Amino acid sequence: MAKKKKIPQRKCLVTNEMKPKQELIRIVRNKDGEVFVDPTGKKNGRGAYLSKDLDVIAEAEKTKVLNRQLDAEVDASIYEDLRQLTGDRVENEK
């Protein structure tokens, strides 16, 4: 019997739901304190995950949950990138 591959689960910072890593977007703070979106999920640094959902991203921006989680100032452009990543998906679903 083949062993089923374990799907890595991560928790969304806003909803606190555990989801497969593919369904979440990773935001990273590296050693230099730079914060950026990591679509590959493989970059080095402190990672935080958000659901690919515009409401979740808006909530994260409003509550500044990423700033606390990553202990860094998260630029508005990061939220723009996040919206772009989810926006593409939402357009395709219509």
PDB file of N, CA and C in Angstrom:
ATOM      1  N   MET A   1       0.841  -1.193   0.000  1.00  0.00           N
ATOM      2  CA  MET A   1       0.000   0.000   0.000  1.00  0.00           C
ATOM      3  C   MET A   1       0.881   1.249   0.000  1.00  0.00           C
ATOM      4  N   ALA A   2       0.622   2.119  -0.949  1.00  0.00           N
ATOM      5  CA  ALA A   2       1.415   3.344  -1.042  1.00  0.00           C
ATOM      6  C   ALA A   2       1.016   4.306   0.074  1.00  0.00           C
ATOM      7  N   LYS A   3       2.039   4.929   0.629  1.00  0.00           N
ATOM      8  CA  LYS A   3       1.777   5.882   1.699  1.00  0.00           C
ATOM      9  C   LYS A   3       1.299   7.188   1.085  1.00  0.00           C
ATOM     10  N   LYS A   4       0.195   7.723   1.605  1.00  0.00           N
ATOM     11  CA  LYS A   4      -0.321   8.971   1.068  1.00  0.00           C
ATOM     12  C   LYS A   4       0.588  10.115   1.461  1.00  0.00           C
ATOM     13  N   LYS A   5       0.857  11.001   0.485  1.00  0.00           N
ATOM     14  CA  LYS A   5       1.732  12.128   0.752  1.00  0.00           C
ATOM     15  C   LYS A   5       1.027  13.090   1.703  1.00  0.00           C
ATOM     16  N   LYS A   6       1.748  13.512   2.728  1.00  0.00           N
ATOM     17  CA  LYS A   6       1.169  14.426   3.707  1.00  0.00           C
ATOM     18  C   LYS A   6       1.143  15.829   3.112  1.00  0.00           C
ATOM     19  N   ILE A   7      -0.006  16.462   3.158  1.00  0.00           N
ATOM     20  CA  ILE A   7      -0.128  17.829   2.644  1.00  0.00           C
ATOM     21  C   ILE A   7       0.164  18.790   3.784  1.00  0.00           C
ATOM     22  N   PRO A   8       1.166  19.662   3.598  1.00  0.00           N
ATOM     23  CA  PRO A   8       1.494  20.584   4.692  1.00  0.00           C
ATOM     24  C   PRO A   8       0.351  21.556   4.957  1.00  0.00           C
ATOM     25  N   GLN A   9      -0.007  21.686   6.212  1.00  0.00           N
ATOM     26  CA  GLN A   9      -1.088  22.589   6.606  1.00  0.00           C
ATOM     27  C   GLN A   9      -0.481  23.818   7.278  1.00  0.00           C
ATOM     28  N   ARG A  10      -1.070  24.966   7.017  1.00  0.00           N
ATOM     29  CA  ARG A  10      -0.642  26.198   7.671  1.00  0.00           C
ATOM     30  C   ARG A  10      -1.881  26.940   8.149  1.00  0.00           C
ATOM     31  N   LYS A  11      -1.683  27.833   9.125  1.00  0.00           N
ATOM     32  CA  LYS A  11      -2.822  28.553   9.686  1.00  0.00           C
ATOM     33  C   LYS A  11      -2.885  29.976   9.134  1.00  0.00           C
ATOM     34  N   CYS A  12      -4.063  30.362   8.673  1.00  0.00           N
ATOM     35  CA  CYS A  12      -4.287  31.730   8.228  1.00  0.00           C
ATOM     36  C   CYS A  12      -4.299  32.642   9.463  1.00  0.00           C
ATOM     37  N   LEU A  13      -3.542  33.731   9.399  1.00  0.00           N
ATOM     38  CA  LEU A  13      -3.443  34.646  10.544  1.00  0.00           C
ATOM     39  C   LEU A  13      -4.769  35.297  10.908  1.00  0.00           C
ATOM     40  N   VAL A  14      -5.611  35.522   9.918  1.00  0.00           N
ATOM     41  CA  VAL A  14      -6.855  36.247  10.171  1.00  0.00           C
ATOM     42  C   VAL A  14      -7.971  35.302  10.599  1.00  0.00           C
ATOM     43  N   THR A  15      -8.173  34.222   9.837  1.00  0.00           N
ATOM     44  CA  THR A  15      -9.302  33.332  10.127  1.00  0.00           C
ATOM     45  C   THR A  15      -8.951  32.238  11.128  1.00  0.00           C
ATOM     46  N   ASN A  16      -7.638  32.025  11.354  1.00  0.00           N
ATOM     47  CA  ASN A  16      -7.154  30.946  12.224  1.00  0.00           C
ATOM     48  C   ASN A  16      -7.554  29.559  11.741  1.00  0.00           C
ATOM     49  N   GLU A  17      -7.846  29.433  10.440  1.00  0.00           N
ATOM     50  CA  GLU A  17      -8.178  28.121   9.883  1.00  0.00           C
ATOM     51  C   GLU A  17      -6.903  27.434   9.417  1.00  0.00           C
ATOM     52  N   MET A  18      -6.836  26.138   9.625  1.00  0.00           N
ATOM     53  CA  MET A  18      -5.746  25.354   9.071  1.00  0.00           C
ATOM     54  C   MET A  18      -6.137  24.982   7.645  1.00  0.00           C
ATOM     55  N   LYS A  19      -5.250  25.260   6.697  1.00  0.00           N
ATOM     56  CA  LYS A  19      -5.536  24.963   5.295  1.00  0.00           C
ATOM     57  C   LYS A  19      -4.281  24.407   4.637  1.00  0.00           C
ATOM     58  N   PRO A  20      -4.463  23.683   3.527  1.00  0.00           N
ATOM     59  CA  PRO A  20      -3.272  23.258   2.777  1.00  0.00           C
ATOM     60  C   PRO A  20      -2.478  24.485   2.350  1.00  0.00           C
ATOM     61  N   LYS A  21      -1.153  24.355   2.394  1.00  0.00           N
ATOM     62  CA  LYS A  21      -0.254  25.472   2.097  1.00  0.00           C
ATOM     63  C   LYS A  21      -0.572  26.135   0.755  1.00  0.00           C
ATOM     64  N   GLN A  22      -1.005  25.336  -0.235  1.00  0.00           N
ATOM     65  CA  GLN A  22      -1.278  25.872  -1.573  1.00  0.00           C
ATOM     66  C   GLN A  22      -2.418  26.889  -1.569  1.00  0.00           C
ATOM     67  N   GLU A  23      -3.313  26.779  -0.601  1.00  0.00           N
ATOM     68  CA  GLU A  23      -4.478  27.656  -0.569  1.00  0.00           C
ATOM     69  C   GLU A  23      -4.200  28.971   0.159  1.00  0.00           C
ATOM     70  N   LEU A  24      -2.970  29.121   0.641  1.00  0.00           N
ATOM     71  CA  LEU A  24      -2.625  30.317   1.398  1.00  0.00           C
ATOM     72  C   LEU A  24      -1.516  31.082   0.688  1.00  0.00           C
ATOM     73  N   ILE A  25      -1.374  32.353   1.016  1.00  0.00           N
ATOM     74  CA  ILE A  25      -0.280  33.161   0.484  1.00  0.00           C
ATOM     75  C   ILE A  25       0.705  33.392   1.624  1.00  0.00           C
ATOM     76  N   ARG A  26       1.988  33.243   1.337  1.00  0.00           N
ATOM     77  CA  ARG A  26       3.012  33.421   2.365  1.00  0.00           C
ATOM     78  C   ARG A  26       3.619  34.813   2.256  1.00  0.00           C
ATOM     79  N   ILE A  27       3.737  35.473   3.383  1.00  0.00           N
ATOM     80  CA  ILE A  27       4.408  36.765   3.459  1.00  0.00           C
ATOM     81  C   ILE A  27       5.630  36.549   4.338  1.00  0.00           C
ATOM     82  N   VAL A  28       6.776  37.065   3.905  1.00  0.00           N
ATOM     83  CA  VAL A  28       8.039  36.762   4.576  1.00  0.00           C
ATOM     84  C   VAL A  28       8.746  38.031   5.025  1.00  0.00           C
ATOM     85  N   ARG A  29       9.384  37.952   6.195  1.00  0.00           N
ATOM     86  CA  ARG A  29      10.341  38.980   6.612  1.00  0.00           C
ATOM     87  C   ARG A  29      11.703  38.305   6.686  1.00  0.00           C
ATOM     88  N   ASN A  30      12.655  38.843   5.912  1.00  0.00           N
ATOM     89  CA  ASN A  30      13.988  38.230   5.926  1.00  0.00           C
ATOM     90  C   ASN A  30      14.867  38.861   7.004  1.00  0.00           C
ATOM     91  N   LYS A  31      16.136  38.407   7.068  1.00  0.00           N
ATOM     92  CA  LYS A  31      17.055  38.882   8.116  1.00  0.00           C
ATOM     93  C   LYS A  31      17.253  40.397   8.073  1.00  0.00           C
ATOM     94  N   ASP A  32      17.159  40.975   6.863  1.00  0.00           N
ATOM     95  CA  ASP A  32      17.370  42.417   6.729  1.00  0.00           C
ATOM     96  C   ASP A  32      16.130  43.223   7.088  1.00  0.00           C
ATOM     97  N   GLY A  33      15.073  42.533   7.468  1.00  0.00           N
ATOM     98  CA  GLY A  33      13.855  43.227   7.861  1.00  0.00           C
ATOM     99  C   GLY A  33      12.962  43.590   6.686  1.00  0.00           C
ATOM    100  N   GLU A  34      13.300  43.099   5.482  1.00  0.00           N
ATOM    101  CA  GLU A  34      12.448  43.376   4.322  1.00  0.00           C
ATOM    102  C   GLU A  34      11.242  42.442   4.368  1.00  0.00           C
ATOM    103  N   VAL A  35      10.082  42.985   4.053  1.00  0.00           N
ATOM    104  CA  VAL A  35       8.864  42.177   4.023  1.00  0.00           C
ATOM    105  C   VAL A  35       8.405  42.077   2.578  1.00  0.00           C
ATOM    106  N   PHE A  36       8.108  40.865   2.139  1.00  0.00           N
ATOM    107  CA  PHE A  36       7.640  40.693   0.764  1.00  0.00           C
ATOM    108  C   PHE A  36       6.756  39.467   0.655  1.00  0.00           C
ATOM    109  N   VAL A  37       5.988  39.413  -0.438  1.00  0.00           N
ATOM    110  CA  VAL A  37       5.110  38.277  -0.703  1.00  0.00           C
ATOM    111  C   VAL A  37       5.958  37.179  -1.327  1.00  0.00           C
ATOM    112  N   ASP A  38       5.752  35.959  -0.874  1.00  0.00           N
ATOM    113  CA  ASP A  38       6.533  34.820  -1.357  1.00  0.00           C
ATOM    114  C   ASP A  38       5.603  33.803  -2.019  1.00  0.00           C
ATOM    115  N   PRO A  39       5.337  33.974  -3.323  1.00  0.00           N
ATOM    116  CA  PRO A  39       4.395  33.062  -3.989  1.00  0.00           C
ATOM    117  C   PRO A  39       4.905  31.616  -4.013  1.00  0.00           C
ATOM    118  N   THR A  40       6.230  31.421  -3.978  1.00  0.00           N
ATOM    119  CA  THR A  40       6.781  30.069  -4.037  1.00  0.00           C
ATOM    120  C   THR A  40       6.676  29.361  -2.689  1.00  0.00           C
ATOM    121  N   GLY A  41       6.647  30.144  -1.597  1.00  0.00           N
ATOM    122  CA  GLY A  41       6.594  29.552  -0.262  1.00  0.00           C
ATOM    123  C   GLY A  41       7.913  28.954   0.177  1.00  0.00           C
ATOM    124  N   LYS A  42       9.005  29.309  -0.519  1.00  0.00           N
ATOM    125  CA  LYS A  42      10.288  28.670  -0.213  1.00  0.00           C
ATOM    126  C   LYS A  42      11.384  29.644   0.218  1.00  0.00           C
ATOM    127  N   LYS A  43      11.091  30.923   0.243  1.00  0.00           N
ATOM    128  CA  LYS A  43      12.128  31.904   0.578  1.00  0.00           C
ATOM    129  C   LYS A  43      12.490  31.815   2.054  1.00  0.00           C
ATOM    130  N   ASN A  44      13.709  32.205   2.366  1.00  0.00           N
ATOM    131  CA  ASN A  44      14.153  32.181   3.757  1.00  0.00           C
ATOM    132  C   ASN A  44      13.558  33.350   4.521  1.00  0.00           C
ATOM    133  N   GLY A  45      13.292  33.118   5.788  1.00  0.00           N
ATOM    134  CA  GLY A  45      12.802  34.188   6.639  1.00  0.00           C
ATOM    135  C   GLY A  45      11.587  33.759   7.429  1.00  0.00           C
ATOM    136  N   ARG A  46      11.097  34.688   8.225  1.00  0.00           N
ATOM    137  CA  ARG A  46       9.929  34.455   9.069  1.00  0.00           C
ATOM    138  C   ARG A  46       8.689  34.546   8.200  1.00  0.00           C
ATOM    139  N   GLY A  47       7.912  33.506   8.151  1.00  0.00           N
ATOM    140  CA  GLY A  47       6.746  33.483   7.271  1.00  0.00           C
ATOM    141  C   GLY A  47       5.442  33.620   8.022  1.00  0.00           C
ATOM    142  N   ALA A  48       4.478  34.234   7.366  1.00  0.00           N
ATOM    143  CA  ALA A  48       3.119  34.321   7.887  1.00  0.00           C
ATOM    144  C   ALA A  48       2.190  34.010   6.723  1.00  0.00           C
ATOM    145  N   TYR A  49       1.051  33.417   7.018  1.00  0.00           N
ATOM    146  CA  TYR A  49       0.155  32.980   5.946  1.00  0.00           C
ATOM    147  C   TYR A  49      -1.199  33.663   6.037  1.00  0.00           C
ATOM    148  N   LEU A  50      -1.745  33.992   4.849  1.00  0.00           N
ATOM    149  CA  LEU A  50      -3.096  34.551   4.762  1.00  0.00           C
ATOM    150  C   LEU A  50      -3.874  33.775   3.712  1.00  0.00           C
ATOM    151  N   SER A  51      -5.177  33.637   3.915  1.00  0.00           N
ATOM    152  CA  SER A  51      -6.030  32.999   2.918  1.00  0.00           C
ATOM    153  C   SER A  51      -6.074  33.859   1.666  1.00  0.00           C
ATOM    154  N   LYS A  52      -6.269  33.192   0.520  1.00  0.00           N
ATOM    155  CA  LYS A  52      -6.384  33.929  -0.743  1.00  0.00           C
ATOM    156  C   LYS A  52      -7.798  34.473  -0.857  1.00  0.00           C
ATOM    157  N   ASP A  53      -8.081  35.488  -0.055  1.00  0.00           N
ATOM    158  CA  ASP A  53      -9.428  36.039   0.020  1.00  0.00           C
ATOM    159  C   ASP A  53      -9.317  37.542   0.263  1.00  0.00           C
ATOM    160  N   LEU A  54      -9.968  38.326  -0.577  1.00  0.00           N
ATOM    161  CA  LEU A  54      -9.851  39.788  -0.472  1.00  0.00           C
ATOM    162  C   LEU A  54     -10.319  40.308   0.883  1.00  0.00           C
ATOM    163  N   ASP A  55     -11.355  39.690   1.437  1.00  0.00           N
ATOM    164  CA  ASP A  55     -11.850  40.127   2.748  1.00  0.00           C
ATOM    165  C   ASP A  55     -10.805  39.885   3.830  1.00  0.00           C
ATOM    166  N   VAL A  56     -10.132  38.748   3.728  1.00  0.00           N
ATOM    167  CA  VAL A  56      -9.097  38.395   4.710  1.00  0.00           C
ATOM    168  C   VAL A  56      -7.939  39.390   4.613  1.00  0.00           C
ATOM    169  N   ILE A  57      -7.564  39.726   3.382  1.00  0.00           N
ATOM    170  CA  ILE A  57      -6.458  40.666   3.177  1.00  0.00           C
ATOM    171  C   ILE A  57      -6.828  42.054   3.709  1.00  0.00           C
ATOM    172  N   ALA A  58      -8.057  42.468   3.453  1.00  0.00           N
ATOM    173  CA  ALA A  58      -8.530  43.768   3.959  1.00  0.00           C
ATOM    174  C   ALA A  58      -8.496  43.781   5.485  1.00  0.00           C
ATOM    175  N   GLU A  59      -8.934  42.696   6.081  1.00  0.00           N
ATOM    176  CA  GLU A  59      -8.946  42.567   7.548  1.00  0.00           C
ATOM    177  C   GLU A  59      -7.521  42.619   8.104  1.00  0.00           C
ATOM    178  N   ALA A  60      -6.607  41.914   7.434  1.00  0.00           N
ATOM    179  CA  ALA A  60      -5.207  41.896   7.868  1.00  0.00           C
ATOM    180  C   ALA A  60      -4.617  43.300   7.815  1.00  0.00           C
ATOM    181  N   GLU A  61      -4.973  44.041   6.766  1.00  0.00           N
ATOM    182  CA  GLU A  61      -4.455  45.407   6.610  1.00  0.00           C
ATOM    183  C   GLU A  61      -5.015  46.310   7.701  1.00  0.00           C
ATOM    184  N   LYS A  62      -6.306  46.152   7.984  1.00  0.00           N
ATOM    185  CA  LYS A  62      -6.981  46.990   8.973  1.00  0.00           C
ATOM    186  C   LYS A  62      -6.433  46.736  10.384  1.00  0.00           C
ATOM    187  N   THR A  63      -6.248  45.459  10.716  1.00  0.00           N
ATOM    188  CA  THR A  63      -5.834  45.111  12.081  1.00  0.00           C
ATOM    189  C   THR A  63      -4.317  45.105  12.249  1.00  0.00           C
ATOM    190  N   LYS A  64      -3.590  45.259  11.134  1.00  0.00           N
ATOM    191  CA  LYS A  64      -2.120  45.235  11.153  1.00  0.00           C
ATOM    192  C   LYS A  64      -1.566  43.959  11.784  1.00  0.00           C
ATOM    193  N   VAL A  65      -2.270  42.858  11.546  1.00  0.00           N
ATOM    194  CA  VAL A  65      -1.857  41.575  12.122  1.00  0.00           C
ATOM    195  C   VAL A  65      -0.490  41.142  11.588  1.00  0.00           C
ATOM    196  N   LEU A  66      -0.178  41.470  10.340  1.00  0.00           N
ATOM    197  CA  LEU A  66       1.133  41.098   9.779  1.00  0.00           C
ATOM    198  C   LEU A  66       2.262  41.854  10.464  1.00  0.00           C
ATOM    199  N   ASN A  67       2.027  43.128  10.779  1.00  0.00           N
ATOM    200  CA  ASN A  67       3.057  43.905  11.465  1.00  0.00           C
ATOM    201  C   ASN A  67       3.443  43.233  12.782  1.00  0.00           C
ATOM    202  N   ARG A  68       2.411  42.782  13.514  1.00  0.00           N
ATOM    203  CA  ARG A  68       2.683  42.132  14.802  1.00  0.00           C
ATOM    204  C   ARG A  68       3.351  40.779  14.603  1.00  0.00           C
ATOM    205  N   GLN A  69       2.811  40.002  13.668  1.00  0.00           N
ATOM    206  CA  GLN A  69       3.303  38.648  13.464  1.00  0.00           C
ATOM    207  C   GLN A  69       4.757  38.639  12.980  1.00  0.00           C
ATOM    208  N   LEU A  70       5.064  39.542  12.040  1.00  0.00           N
ATOM    209  CA  LEU A  70       6.410  39.562  11.452  1.00  0.00           C
ATOM    210  C   LEU A  70       7.325  40.540  12.177  1.00  0.00           C
ATOM    211  N   ASP A  71       6.771  41.273  13.154  1.00  0.00           N
ATOM    212  CA  ASP A  71       7.545  42.238  13.915  1.00  0.00           C
ATOM    213  C   ASP A  71       8.260  43.210  12.972  1.00  0.00           C
ATOM    214  N   ALA A  72       7.517  43.721  11.995  1.00  0.00           N
ATOM    215  CA  ALA A  72       8.083  44.649  11.019  1.00  0.00           C
ATOM    216  C   ALA A  72       6.972  45.526  10.467  1.00  0.00           C
ATOM    217  N   GLU A  73       7.365  46.641   9.865  1.00  0.00           N
ATOM    218  CA  GLU A  73       6.387  47.535   9.241  1.00  0.00           C
ATOM    219  C   GLU A  73       6.033  46.968   7.867  1.00  0.00           C
ATOM    220  N   VAL A  74       4.764  46.624   7.684  1.00  0.00           N
ATOM    221  CA  VAL A  74       4.334  46.042   6.406  1.00  0.00           C
ATOM    222  C   VAL A  74       3.811  47.161   5.517  1.00  0.00           C
ATOM    223  N   ASP A  75       4.469  47.348   4.387  1.00  0.00           N
ATOM    224  CA  ASP A  75       4.147  48.425   3.464  1.00  0.00           C
ATOM    225  C   ASP A  75       2.808  48.172   2.769  1.00  0.00           C
ATOM    226  N   ALA A  76       2.122  49.244   2.396  1.00  0.00           N
ATOM    227  CA  ALA A  76       0.832  49.126   1.701  1.00  0.00           C
ATOM    228  C   ALA A  76       0.989  48.355   0.387  1.00  0.00           C
ATOM    229  N   SER A  77       2.170  48.451  -0.218  1.00  0.00           N
ATOM    230  CA  SER A  77       2.392  47.756  -1.497  1.00  0.00           C
ATOM    231  C   SER A  77       2.301  46.241  -1.328  1.00  0.00           C
ATOM    232  N   ILE A  78       2.615  45.753  -0.141  1.00  0.00           N
ATOM    233  CA  ILE A  78       2.499  44.312   0.139  1.00  0.00           C
ATOM    234  C   ILE A  78       1.035  43.897   0.004  1.00  0.00           C
ATOM    235  N   TYR A  79       0.145  44.705   0.567  1.00  0.00           N
ATOM    236  CA  TYR A  79      -1.281  44.379   0.487  1.00  0.00           C
ATOM    237  C   TYR A  79      -1.769  44.464  -0.952  1.00  0.00           C
ATOM    238  N   GLU A  80      -1.162  45.396  -1.729  1.00  0.00           N
ATOM    239  CA  GLU A  80      -1.488  45.490  -3.152  1.00  0.00           C
ATOM    240  C   GLU A  80      -1.104  44.190  -3.857  1.00  0.00           C
ATOM    241  N   ASP A  81       0.115  43.713  -3.581  1.00  0.00           N
ATOM    242  CA  ASP A  81       0.582  42.452  -4.178  1.00  0.00           C
ATOM    243  C   ASP A  81      -0.358  41.309  -3.814  1.00  0.00           C
ATOM    244  N   LEU A  82      -0.770  41.277  -2.552  1.00  0.00           N
ATOM    245  CA  LEU A  82      -1.673  40.219  -2.093  1.00  0.00           C
ATOM    246  C   LEU A  82      -2.992  40.280  -2.846  1.00  0.00           C
ATOM    247  N   ARG A  83      -3.513  41.508  -2.992  1.00  0.00           N
ATOM    248  CA  ARG A  83      -4.777  41.672  -3.715  1.00  0.00           C
ATOM    249  C   ARG A  83      -4.631  41.224  -5.166  1.00  0.00           C
ATOM    250  N   GLN A  84      -3.466  41.522  -5.746  1.00  0.00           N
ATOM    251  CA  GLN A  84      -3.192  41.122  -7.120  1.00  0.00           C
ATOM    252  C   GLN A  84      -3.253  39.588  -7.223  1.00  0.00           C
ATOM    253  N   LEU A  85      -2.610  38.916  -6.278  1.00  0.00           N
ATOM    254  CA  LEU A  85      -2.571  37.453  -6.286  1.00  0.00           C
ATOM    255  C   LEU A  85      -3.971  36.849  -6.158  1.00  0.00           C
ATOM    256  N   THR A  86      -4.805  37.447  -5.317  1.00  0.00           N
ATOM    257  CA  THR A  86      -6.149  36.899  -5.166  1.00  0.00           C
ATOM    258  C   THR A  86      -7.031  37.369  -6.302  1.00  0.00           C
ATOM    259  N   GLY A  87      -6.814  38.597  -6.749  1.00  0.00           N
ATOM    260  CA  GLY A  87      -7.620  39.179  -7.819  1.00  0.00           C
ATOM    261  C   GLY A  87      -7.595  38.318  -9.066  1.00  0.00           C
ATOM    262  N   ASP A  88      -6.410  37.836  -9.435  1.00  0.00           N
ATOM    263  CA  ASP A  88      -6.278  36.983 -10.623  1.00  0.00           C
ATOM    264  C   ASP A  88      -7.208  35.795 -10.498  1.00  0.00           C
ATOM    265  N   ARG A  89      -7.199  35.188  -9.315  1.00  0.00           N
ATOM    266  CA  ARG A  89      -8.004  33.987  -9.098  1.00  0.00           C
ATOM    267  C   ARG A  89      -9.488  34.301  -9.142  1.00  0.00           C
ATOM    268  N   VAL A  90      -9.874  35.419  -8.544  1.00  0.00           N
ATOM    269  CA  VAL A  90     -11.290  35.779  -8.490  1.00  0.00           C
ATOM    270  C   VAL A  90     -11.812  36.044  -9.891  1.00  0.00           C
ATOM    271  N   GLU A  91     -11.014  36.729 -10.723  1.00  0.00           N
ATOM    272  CA  GLU A  91     -11.420  37.011 -12.098  1.00  0.00           C
ATOM    273  C   GLU A  91     -11.723  35.711 -12.843  1.00  0.00           C
ATOM    274  N   ASN A  92     -10.878  34.712 -12.648  1.00  0.00           N
ATOM    275  CA  ASN A  92     -11.028  33.442 -13.364  1.00  0.00           C
ATOM    276  C   ASN A  92     -12.295  32.701 -12.957  1.00  0.00           C
ATOM    277  N   GLU A  93     -12.756  32.931 -11.746  1.00  0.00           N
ATOM    278  CA  GLU A  93     -13.922  32.198 -11.258  1.00  0.00           C
ATOM    279  C   GLU A  93     -15.227  32.762 -11.788  1.00  0.00           C
ATOM    280  N   LYS A  94     -15.202  33.998 -12.268  1.00  0.00           N
ATOM    281  CA  LYS A  94     -16.450  34.642 -12.729  1.00  0.00           C
ATOM    282  C   LYS A  94     -16.895  34.083 -14.065  1.00  0.00           C
TER     283      LYS A  94
END
